[in-house]
N, C-alpha and C. Protein backbone atom coordinates (compact mmCIF):
# COMPACT_ATOMS: atom_id res chain seq x y z
N UNK A 1 40.62 -7.56 33.56
CA UNK A 1 39.27 -7.42 34.03
C UNK A 1 38.51 -6.39 33.21
N UNK A 2 39.18 -5.32 32.89
CA UNK A 2 38.54 -4.27 32.13
C UNK A 2 38.19 -4.75 30.72
N UNK A 3 39.04 -5.53 30.11
CA UNK A 3 38.78 -6.04 28.77
C UNK A 3 37.53 -6.90 28.74
N UNK A 4 37.29 -7.65 29.81
CA UNK A 4 36.12 -8.52 29.86
C UNK A 4 34.84 -7.69 29.81
N UNK A 5 34.80 -6.56 30.51
CA UNK A 5 33.61 -5.72 30.50
C UNK A 5 33.38 -5.07 29.15
N UNK A 6 34.43 -4.76 28.42
CA UNK A 6 34.26 -4.15 27.11
C UNK A 6 33.81 -5.17 26.07
N UNK A 7 34.12 -6.44 26.29
CA UNK A 7 33.69 -7.50 25.39
C UNK A 7 32.21 -7.81 25.59
N UNK A 8 31.73 -7.76 26.82
CA UNK A 8 30.34 -8.09 27.13
C UNK A 8 29.37 -7.18 26.36
N UNK A 9 29.54 -5.85 26.39
CA UNK A 9 28.62 -5.01 25.61
C UNK A 9 28.68 -5.31 24.11
N UNK A 10 29.85 -5.66 23.62
CA UNK A 10 29.99 -6.00 22.20
C UNK A 10 29.21 -7.26 21.86
N UNK A 11 29.30 -8.25 22.74
CA UNK A 11 28.57 -9.51 22.53
C UNK A 11 27.07 -9.25 22.61
N UNK A 12 26.64 -8.47 23.60
CA UNK A 12 25.21 -8.14 23.75
C UNK A 12 24.72 -7.41 22.51
N UNK A 13 25.49 -6.46 22.01
CA UNK A 13 25.12 -5.73 20.81
C UNK A 13 25.02 -6.66 19.60
N UNK A 14 25.98 -7.56 19.44
CA UNK A 14 25.97 -8.49 18.31
C UNK A 14 24.75 -9.41 18.37
N UNK A 15 24.43 -9.91 19.55
CA UNK A 15 23.26 -10.79 19.71
C UNK A 15 21.98 -10.00 19.42
N UNK A 16 21.92 -8.77 19.91
CA UNK A 16 20.74 -7.93 19.67
C UNK A 16 20.55 -7.69 18.18
N UNK A 17 21.61 -7.36 17.49
CA UNK A 17 21.52 -7.12 16.05
C UNK A 17 21.12 -8.39 15.31
N UNK A 18 21.64 -9.52 15.72
CA UNK A 18 21.26 -10.78 15.09
C UNK A 18 19.78 -11.05 15.31
N UNK A 19 19.27 -10.77 16.50
CA UNK A 19 17.85 -10.97 16.78
C UNK A 19 17.01 -10.05 15.90
N UNK A 20 17.43 -8.81 15.74
CA UNK A 20 16.70 -7.88 14.87
C UNK A 20 16.70 -8.38 13.44
N UNK A 21 17.81 -8.89 12.98
CA UNK A 21 17.90 -9.40 11.62
C UNK A 21 16.95 -10.56 11.41
N UNK A 22 16.89 -11.48 12.38
CA UNK A 22 16.01 -12.63 12.20
C UNK A 22 14.55 -12.21 12.23
N UNK A 23 14.19 -11.22 13.03
CA UNK A 23 12.81 -10.72 13.04
C UNK A 23 12.51 -10.08 11.69
N UNK A 24 13.44 -9.28 11.18
CA UNK A 24 13.22 -8.62 9.89
C UNK A 24 13.08 -9.66 8.78
N UNK A 25 13.84 -10.76 8.85
CA UNK A 25 13.73 -11.77 7.81
C UNK A 25 12.39 -12.48 7.90
N UNK A 26 11.89 -12.73 9.13
CA UNK A 26 10.60 -13.38 9.28
C UNK A 26 9.47 -12.51 8.74
N UNK A 27 9.60 -11.22 8.90
CA UNK A 27 8.55 -10.30 8.46
C UNK A 27 9.01 -9.46 7.28
N UNK A 28 10.05 -9.92 6.58
CA UNK A 28 10.66 -9.13 5.52
C UNK A 28 9.73 -8.75 4.40
N UNK A 29 8.80 -9.63 4.04
CA UNK A 29 7.91 -9.34 2.93
C UNK A 29 7.07 -8.11 3.21
N UNK A 30 6.74 -7.86 4.47
CA UNK A 30 5.92 -6.70 4.80
C UNK A 30 6.67 -5.42 4.44
N UNK A 31 7.98 -5.41 4.67
CA UNK A 31 8.74 -4.21 4.34
C UNK A 31 8.81 -4.00 2.83
N UNK A 32 8.51 -5.03 2.05
CA UNK A 32 8.50 -4.89 0.60
C UNK A 32 7.21 -4.28 0.09
N UNK A 33 6.20 -4.15 0.92
CA UNK A 33 4.96 -3.47 0.53
C UNK A 33 5.23 -1.98 0.60
N UNK A 34 4.94 -1.29 -0.50
CA UNK A 34 5.24 0.15 -0.53
C UNK A 34 4.22 0.88 -1.38
N UNK A 35 3.96 2.10 -1.00
CA UNK A 35 3.07 2.92 -1.80
C UNK A 35 3.87 3.52 -2.95
N UNK A 36 3.37 3.33 -4.15
CA UNK A 36 4.05 3.85 -5.34
C UNK A 36 3.66 5.31 -5.57
N UNK A 37 2.37 5.59 -5.52
CA UNK A 37 1.86 6.93 -5.74
C UNK A 37 0.46 7.04 -5.19
N UNK A 38 -0.04 8.25 -5.14
CA UNK A 38 -1.43 8.48 -4.78
C UNK A 38 -1.89 9.70 -5.56
N UNK A 39 -3.19 9.84 -5.67
CA UNK A 39 -3.73 10.97 -6.42
C UNK A 39 -5.09 11.34 -5.87
N UNK A 40 -5.42 12.61 -5.99
CA UNK A 40 -6.76 13.06 -5.62
C UNK A 40 -7.76 12.77 -6.72
N UNK A 41 -7.26 12.40 -7.91
CA UNK A 41 -8.18 12.06 -9.00
C UNK A 41 -7.59 10.95 -9.87
N UNK A 42 -8.08 9.73 -9.62
CA UNK A 42 -7.64 8.57 -10.40
C UNK A 42 -8.61 8.25 -11.52
N UNK A 43 -9.83 8.75 -11.41
CA UNK A 43 -10.83 8.47 -12.42
C UNK A 43 -11.55 7.14 -12.21
N UNK A 44 -11.28 6.45 -11.13
CA UNK A 44 -11.94 5.18 -10.83
C UNK A 44 -13.13 5.49 -9.92
N UNK A 45 -14.32 5.02 -10.29
CA UNK A 45 -15.55 5.55 -9.70
C UNK A 45 -15.97 4.99 -8.36
N UNK A 46 -15.79 3.71 -8.10
CA UNK A 46 -16.33 3.16 -6.87
C UNK A 46 -15.28 2.96 -5.81
N UNK A 47 -15.67 3.03 -4.53
CA UNK A 47 -14.70 2.66 -3.52
C UNK A 47 -14.39 1.18 -3.68
N UNK A 48 -13.13 0.83 -3.66
CA UNK A 48 -12.80 -0.57 -3.83
C UNK A 48 -11.33 -0.83 -4.00
N UNK A 49 -11.05 -2.06 -4.43
CA UNK A 49 -9.69 -2.54 -4.59
C UNK A 49 -9.58 -3.19 -5.96
N UNK A 50 -8.55 -2.81 -6.70
CA UNK A 50 -8.26 -3.43 -7.98
C UNK A 50 -6.88 -4.06 -7.87
N UNK A 51 -6.79 -5.36 -8.12
CA UNK A 51 -5.53 -6.09 -8.04
C UNK A 51 -4.99 -6.28 -9.45
N UNK A 52 -3.73 -5.91 -9.66
CA UNK A 52 -3.12 -5.95 -10.99
C UNK A 52 -1.86 -6.80 -10.95
N UNK A 53 -1.83 -7.86 -11.78
CA UNK A 53 -0.63 -8.70 -11.84
C UNK A 53 -0.09 -8.86 -13.26
N UNK A 54 -0.65 -8.07 -14.20
CA UNK A 54 -0.15 -8.15 -15.58
C UNK A 54 -0.30 -6.79 -16.26
N UNK A 55 0.50 -6.58 -17.29
CA UNK A 55 0.43 -5.34 -18.06
C UNK A 55 -0.93 -5.20 -18.74
N UNK A 56 -1.52 -6.33 -19.15
CA UNK A 56 -2.85 -6.28 -19.78
C UNK A 56 -3.90 -5.75 -18.82
N UNK A 57 -3.79 -6.10 -17.54
CA UNK A 57 -4.73 -5.59 -16.54
C UNK A 57 -4.44 -4.14 -16.17
N UNK A 58 -3.20 -3.72 -16.30
CA UNK A 58 -2.79 -2.38 -15.89
C UNK A 58 -3.21 -1.31 -16.89
N UNK A 59 -3.06 -1.58 -18.16
CA UNK A 59 -3.26 -0.55 -19.19
C UNK A 59 -4.63 0.15 -19.12
N UNK A 60 -5.75 -0.55 -18.95
CA UNK A 60 -7.03 0.15 -18.88
C UNK A 60 -7.14 1.10 -17.69
N UNK A 61 -6.39 0.86 -16.64
CA UNK A 61 -6.45 1.72 -15.46
C UNK A 61 -5.64 3.00 -15.62
N UNK A 62 -4.73 3.02 -16.57
CA UNK A 62 -3.85 4.18 -16.75
C UNK A 62 -4.31 5.15 -17.82
N UNK A 63 -5.35 4.81 -18.53
CA UNK A 63 -5.80 5.68 -19.61
C UNK A 63 -7.12 6.36 -19.34
N UNK A 64 -7.49 6.54 -18.08
CA UNK A 64 -8.77 7.14 -17.73
C UNK A 64 -8.70 8.65 -17.98
N UNK A 65 -9.72 9.19 -18.65
CA UNK A 65 -9.76 10.62 -18.98
C UNK A 65 -9.71 11.47 -17.71
N UNK A 66 -8.89 12.51 -17.73
CA UNK A 66 -8.78 13.44 -16.62
C UNK A 66 -7.99 12.92 -15.43
N UNK A 67 -7.42 11.76 -15.57
CA UNK A 67 -6.67 11.12 -14.48
C UNK A 67 -5.42 11.94 -14.14
N UNK A 68 -5.11 11.99 -12.85
CA UNK A 68 -3.94 12.73 -12.38
C UNK A 68 -3.06 11.80 -11.56
N UNK A 69 -2.45 10.83 -12.24
CA UNK A 69 -1.61 9.84 -11.59
C UNK A 69 -0.20 9.91 -12.14
N UNK A 70 0.78 9.56 -11.33
CA UNK A 70 2.16 9.47 -11.80
C UNK A 70 2.33 8.13 -12.53
N UNK A 71 1.94 8.10 -13.77
CA UNK A 71 1.94 6.88 -14.57
C UNK A 71 3.36 6.32 -14.73
N UNK A 72 4.33 7.19 -14.85
CA UNK A 72 5.72 6.74 -15.02
C UNK A 72 6.16 5.86 -13.86
N UNK A 73 5.86 6.27 -12.63
CA UNK A 73 6.23 5.48 -11.45
C UNK A 73 5.54 4.12 -11.43
N UNK A 74 4.30 4.10 -11.87
CA UNK A 74 3.55 2.84 -11.90
C UNK A 74 4.14 1.90 -12.95
N UNK A 75 4.47 2.43 -14.11
CA UNK A 75 5.03 1.60 -15.19
C UNK A 75 6.42 1.06 -14.85
N UNK A 76 7.13 1.69 -13.93
CA UNK A 76 8.46 1.22 -13.53
C UNK A 76 8.42 -0.04 -12.67
N UNK A 77 7.26 -0.40 -12.15
CA UNK A 77 7.14 -1.60 -11.31
C UNK A 77 7.26 -2.83 -12.20
N UNK A 78 8.12 -3.76 -11.80
CA UNK A 78 8.31 -5.01 -12.52
C UNK A 78 7.22 -5.98 -12.08
N UNK A 79 6.21 -6.15 -12.93
CA UNK A 79 5.06 -6.99 -12.57
C UNK A 79 5.40 -8.47 -12.49
N UNK A 80 6.60 -8.86 -12.90
CA UNK A 80 7.03 -10.25 -12.74
C UNK A 80 7.36 -10.56 -11.28
N UNK A 81 7.77 -9.54 -10.51
CA UNK A 81 8.13 -9.78 -9.11
C UNK A 81 7.21 -9.06 -8.12
N UNK A 82 6.56 -8.00 -8.56
CA UNK A 82 5.65 -7.26 -7.70
C UNK A 82 4.32 -7.09 -8.42
N UNK A 83 3.26 -7.02 -7.66
CA UNK A 83 1.95 -6.74 -8.22
C UNK A 83 1.47 -5.40 -7.66
N UNK A 84 0.42 -4.85 -8.25
CA UNK A 84 -0.10 -3.56 -7.82
C UNK A 84 -1.49 -3.70 -7.25
N UNK A 85 -1.78 -2.89 -6.25
CA UNK A 85 -3.11 -2.79 -5.68
C UNK A 85 -3.53 -1.33 -5.76
N UNK A 86 -4.61 -1.07 -6.50
CA UNK A 86 -5.21 0.26 -6.56
C UNK A 86 -6.29 0.29 -5.48
N UNK A 87 -6.16 1.19 -4.53
CA UNK A 87 -7.16 1.35 -3.47
C UNK A 87 -7.86 2.68 -3.73
N UNK A 88 -9.17 2.61 -3.97
CA UNK A 88 -9.91 3.81 -4.38
C UNK A 88 -10.99 4.17 -3.37
N UNK A 89 -11.21 5.48 -3.21
CA UNK A 89 -12.28 5.96 -2.34
C UNK A 89 -13.59 6.14 -3.09
N UNK A 90 -13.55 6.08 -4.41
CA UNK A 90 -14.75 6.37 -5.19
C UNK A 90 -14.91 7.87 -5.41
N UNK A 91 -16.01 8.26 -6.01
CA UNK A 91 -16.22 9.67 -6.30
C UNK A 91 -16.54 10.45 -5.04
N UNK A 92 -15.92 11.63 -4.92
CA UNK A 92 -16.16 12.55 -3.81
C UNK A 92 -16.61 13.89 -4.38
N UNK A 93 -17.44 14.64 -3.64
CA UNK A 93 -18.05 15.86 -4.20
C UNK A 93 -17.14 17.09 -4.23
N UNK A 94 -16.01 17.03 -3.52
CA UNK A 94 -15.11 18.20 -3.47
C UNK A 94 -13.66 17.74 -3.44
N UNK A 95 -12.78 18.71 -3.54
CA UNK A 95 -11.36 18.43 -3.33
C UNK A 95 -11.12 18.22 -1.83
N UNK A 96 -9.95 17.74 -1.47
CA UNK A 96 -9.59 17.58 -0.06
C UNK A 96 -9.64 16.16 0.45
N UNK A 97 -10.07 15.21 -0.37
CA UNK A 97 -10.12 13.81 0.03
C UNK A 97 -8.86 13.10 -0.45
N UNK A 98 -8.43 12.07 0.28
CA UNK A 98 -7.27 11.29 -0.14
C UNK A 98 -7.17 10.00 0.63
N UNK A 99 -6.30 9.12 0.17
CA UNK A 99 -6.08 7.83 0.82
C UNK A 99 -4.60 7.49 0.69
N UNK A 100 -4.04 6.85 1.72
CA UNK A 100 -2.62 6.47 1.70
C UNK A 100 -2.43 5.21 2.53
N UNK A 101 -1.36 4.48 2.24
CA UNK A 101 -1.00 3.28 2.98
C UNK A 101 -0.46 3.67 4.35
N UNK A 102 -1.04 3.07 5.39
CA UNK A 102 -0.55 3.31 6.75
C UNK A 102 0.40 2.19 7.18
N UNK A 103 -0.05 0.92 7.01
CA UNK A 103 0.82 -0.22 7.33
C UNK A 103 0.32 -1.46 6.62
N UNK A 104 1.19 -2.45 6.56
CA UNK A 104 0.87 -3.72 5.92
C UNK A 104 1.35 -4.85 6.81
N UNK A 105 0.64 -5.99 6.74
CA UNK A 105 1.06 -7.14 7.52
C UNK A 105 0.56 -8.42 6.85
N UNK A 106 1.32 -9.49 7.05
CA UNK A 106 0.94 -10.82 6.58
C UNK A 106 0.47 -11.63 7.78
N UNK A 107 -0.56 -12.41 7.56
CA UNK A 107 -1.04 -13.35 8.57
C UNK A 107 -1.48 -14.60 7.82
N UNK A 108 -0.67 -15.64 7.91
CA UNK A 108 -0.96 -16.85 7.14
C UNK A 108 -0.90 -16.55 5.65
N UNK A 109 -1.99 -16.81 4.94
CA UNK A 109 -2.02 -16.55 3.49
C UNK A 109 -2.75 -15.24 3.17
N UNK A 110 -2.92 -14.37 4.18
CA UNK A 110 -3.63 -13.11 3.99
C UNK A 110 -2.67 -11.92 4.09
N UNK A 111 -2.76 -11.02 3.13
CA UNK A 111 -2.05 -9.75 3.18
C UNK A 111 -3.07 -8.69 3.56
N UNK A 112 -2.81 -7.97 4.65
CA UNK A 112 -3.70 -6.91 5.11
C UNK A 112 -3.03 -5.56 4.89
N UNK A 113 -3.77 -4.66 4.26
CA UNK A 113 -3.31 -3.29 4.06
C UNK A 113 -4.20 -2.37 4.87
N UNK A 114 -3.61 -1.62 5.77
CA UNK A 114 -4.36 -0.64 6.55
C UNK A 114 -4.14 0.72 5.89
N UNK A 115 -5.23 1.33 5.48
CA UNK A 115 -5.16 2.61 4.79
C UNK A 115 -5.65 3.71 5.72
N UNK A 116 -5.16 4.90 5.50
CA UNK A 116 -5.63 6.08 6.22
C UNK A 116 -6.26 7.01 5.19
N UNK A 117 -7.40 7.56 5.54
CA UNK A 117 -8.08 8.46 4.61
C UNK A 117 -8.04 9.88 5.15
N UNK A 118 -8.18 10.80 4.24
CA UNK A 118 -8.19 12.22 4.58
C UNK A 118 -9.46 12.80 3.97
N UNK A 119 -10.09 13.73 4.69
CA UNK A 119 -11.24 14.44 4.16
C UNK A 119 -11.13 15.90 4.59
N UNK A 120 -11.81 16.78 3.87
CA UNK A 120 -11.71 18.20 4.23
C UNK A 120 -12.27 18.45 5.64
N UNK A 121 -11.63 19.34 6.36
CA UNK A 121 -12.10 19.70 7.69
C UNK A 121 -13.39 20.50 7.62
N UNK A 122 -14.15 20.45 8.68
CA UNK A 122 -15.41 21.18 8.74
C UNK A 122 -15.15 22.68 8.58
N UNK A 123 -15.89 23.31 7.72
CA UNK A 123 -15.74 24.74 7.47
C UNK A 123 -14.60 25.09 6.53
N UNK A 124 -13.87 24.09 6.06
CA UNK A 124 -12.75 24.32 5.15
C UNK A 124 -13.25 24.72 3.76
N UNK A 125 -12.61 25.66 3.15
CA UNK A 125 -12.97 26.06 1.79
C UNK A 125 -12.24 25.15 0.82
N UNK A 126 -13.02 24.43 -0.02
CA UNK A 126 -12.45 23.49 -0.97
C UNK A 126 -13.09 23.71 -2.33
N UNK A 127 -12.41 23.29 -3.37
CA UNK A 127 -12.94 23.39 -4.73
C UNK A 127 -14.15 22.48 -4.88
N UNK A 128 -15.18 22.97 -5.53
CA UNK A 128 -16.37 22.16 -5.80
C UNK A 128 -16.15 21.43 -7.11
N UNK A 129 -15.52 20.28 -7.01
CA UNK A 129 -15.18 19.48 -8.17
C UNK A 129 -15.25 18.01 -7.77
N UNK A 130 -15.74 17.19 -8.65
CA UNK A 130 -15.82 15.76 -8.36
C UNK A 130 -14.42 15.18 -8.47
N UNK A 131 -14.00 14.47 -7.43
CA UNK A 131 -12.69 13.82 -7.41
C UNK A 131 -12.88 12.33 -7.18
N UNK A 132 -11.83 11.57 -7.42
CA UNK A 132 -11.84 10.12 -7.16
C UNK A 132 -10.46 9.70 -6.66
N UNK A 133 -10.21 9.91 -5.36
CA UNK A 133 -8.89 9.64 -4.79
C UNK A 133 -8.53 8.16 -4.80
N UNK A 134 -7.22 7.91 -4.93
CA UNK A 134 -6.73 6.53 -4.85
C UNK A 134 -5.27 6.53 -4.43
N UNK A 135 -4.83 5.35 -4.02
CA UNK A 135 -3.42 5.09 -3.75
C UNK A 135 -3.05 3.83 -4.51
N UNK A 136 -1.82 3.78 -5.01
CA UNK A 136 -1.33 2.61 -5.72
C UNK A 136 -0.20 2.02 -4.90
N UNK A 137 -0.37 0.74 -4.52
CA UNK A 137 0.55 0.07 -3.62
C UNK A 137 1.18 -1.12 -4.35
N UNK A 138 2.51 -1.25 -4.25
CA UNK A 138 3.21 -2.42 -4.80
C UNK A 138 3.33 -3.46 -3.70
N UNK A 139 2.99 -4.70 -4.05
CA UNK A 139 3.04 -5.81 -3.09
C UNK A 139 3.85 -6.94 -3.69
N UNK A 140 4.47 -7.77 -2.86
CA UNK A 140 5.23 -8.90 -3.39
C UNK A 140 4.32 -9.84 -4.19
N UNK A 141 4.81 -10.31 -5.30
CA UNK A 141 4.05 -11.26 -6.12
C UNK A 141 4.25 -12.68 -5.65
N UNK A 142 4.02 -12.92 -4.37
CA UNK A 142 4.21 -14.25 -3.78
C UNK A 142 2.87 -14.94 -3.58
N UNK A 143 2.93 -16.13 -3.07
CA UNK A 143 1.74 -16.97 -2.96
C UNK A 143 0.88 -16.69 -1.74
N UNK A 144 0.33 -15.52 -1.63
CA UNK A 144 -0.70 -15.28 -0.63
C UNK A 144 -2.02 -15.31 -1.37
N UNK A 145 -3.08 -15.67 -0.69
CA UNK A 145 -4.35 -15.97 -1.36
C UNK A 145 -5.45 -14.96 -1.10
N UNK A 146 -5.28 -14.11 -0.10
CA UNK A 146 -6.37 -13.21 0.30
C UNK A 146 -5.80 -11.83 0.57
N UNK A 147 -6.53 -10.82 0.13
CA UNK A 147 -6.15 -9.43 0.34
C UNK A 147 -7.28 -8.75 1.11
N UNK A 148 -6.92 -8.14 2.23
CA UNK A 148 -7.89 -7.39 3.03
C UNK A 148 -7.40 -5.95 3.15
N UNK A 149 -8.29 -5.01 2.81
CA UNK A 149 -7.94 -3.59 2.88
C UNK A 149 -8.91 -2.92 3.85
N UNK A 150 -8.37 -2.33 4.91
CA UNK A 150 -9.22 -1.66 5.89
C UNK A 150 -8.94 -0.16 5.90
N UNK A 151 -9.95 0.58 6.39
CA UNK A 151 -9.81 2.03 6.51
C UNK A 151 -10.47 2.80 5.39
N UNK A 152 -10.94 2.12 4.35
CA UNK A 152 -11.54 2.79 3.20
C UNK A 152 -13.07 2.86 3.34
N UNK A 153 -13.66 1.77 3.78
CA UNK A 153 -15.10 1.70 4.01
C UNK A 153 -15.32 1.22 5.45
N UNK A 154 -16.57 1.17 5.88
CA UNK A 154 -16.85 0.77 7.25
C UNK A 154 -16.45 -0.67 7.54
N UNK A 155 -16.45 -1.52 6.52
CA UNK A 155 -16.00 -2.91 6.67
C UNK A 155 -14.79 -3.12 5.77
N UNK A 156 -13.88 -4.02 6.14
CA UNK A 156 -12.72 -4.27 5.27
C UNK A 156 -13.16 -4.75 3.87
N UNK A 157 -12.42 -4.30 2.87
CA UNK A 157 -12.62 -4.77 1.50
C UNK A 157 -11.78 -6.03 1.34
N UNK A 158 -12.39 -7.11 0.88
CA UNK A 158 -11.72 -8.40 0.81
C UNK A 158 -11.71 -8.90 -0.64
N UNK A 159 -10.54 -9.34 -1.07
CA UNK A 159 -10.39 -9.97 -2.39
C UNK A 159 -9.75 -11.32 -2.20
N UNK A 160 -10.44 -12.37 -2.62
CA UNK A 160 -9.84 -13.69 -2.65
C UNK A 160 -9.20 -13.83 -4.02
N UNK A 161 -7.93 -14.17 -4.04
CA UNK A 161 -7.18 -14.23 -5.30
C UNK A 161 -7.03 -15.67 -5.74
N UNK A 162 -7.59 -15.97 -6.88
CA UNK A 162 -7.44 -17.31 -7.46
C UNK A 162 -6.19 -17.29 -8.31
N UNK A 163 -5.18 -18.06 -7.91
CA UNK A 163 -3.93 -18.11 -8.67
C UNK A 163 -3.66 -19.50 -9.10
């Protein structure tokens, strides 16, 4: 009788783990979305989204004067399997601004990136220097057709991708 009770928790645990695995597989691509780097000064002027799926598209973004990005980490991304999304806040009048990936989700053929922004607190002493914050996110190079980025401007930034 005692052996039967010890088997039941094991079976319940195995079923629970199997259920978690199947959920992770259904939503696995979302876990593949990751922030590569971020910077308080990318040198990109407007708030927006730049989608990069080739080295030819990437190179002009990495050679901006005064840029403070971890270029090595960006170059390590294999663009054959992953693509890059540069999310920019545009020019800001002081230091203390930033943007980062909060979460990602797929819905049909749309990839949504929710970003969180940071700004200097009221009364905070910050350097008086023009900055251009951005985050660089690696996304699966799969067949999704639409990219929506929220949290950067009052309305989501939308890119329809013609592939």
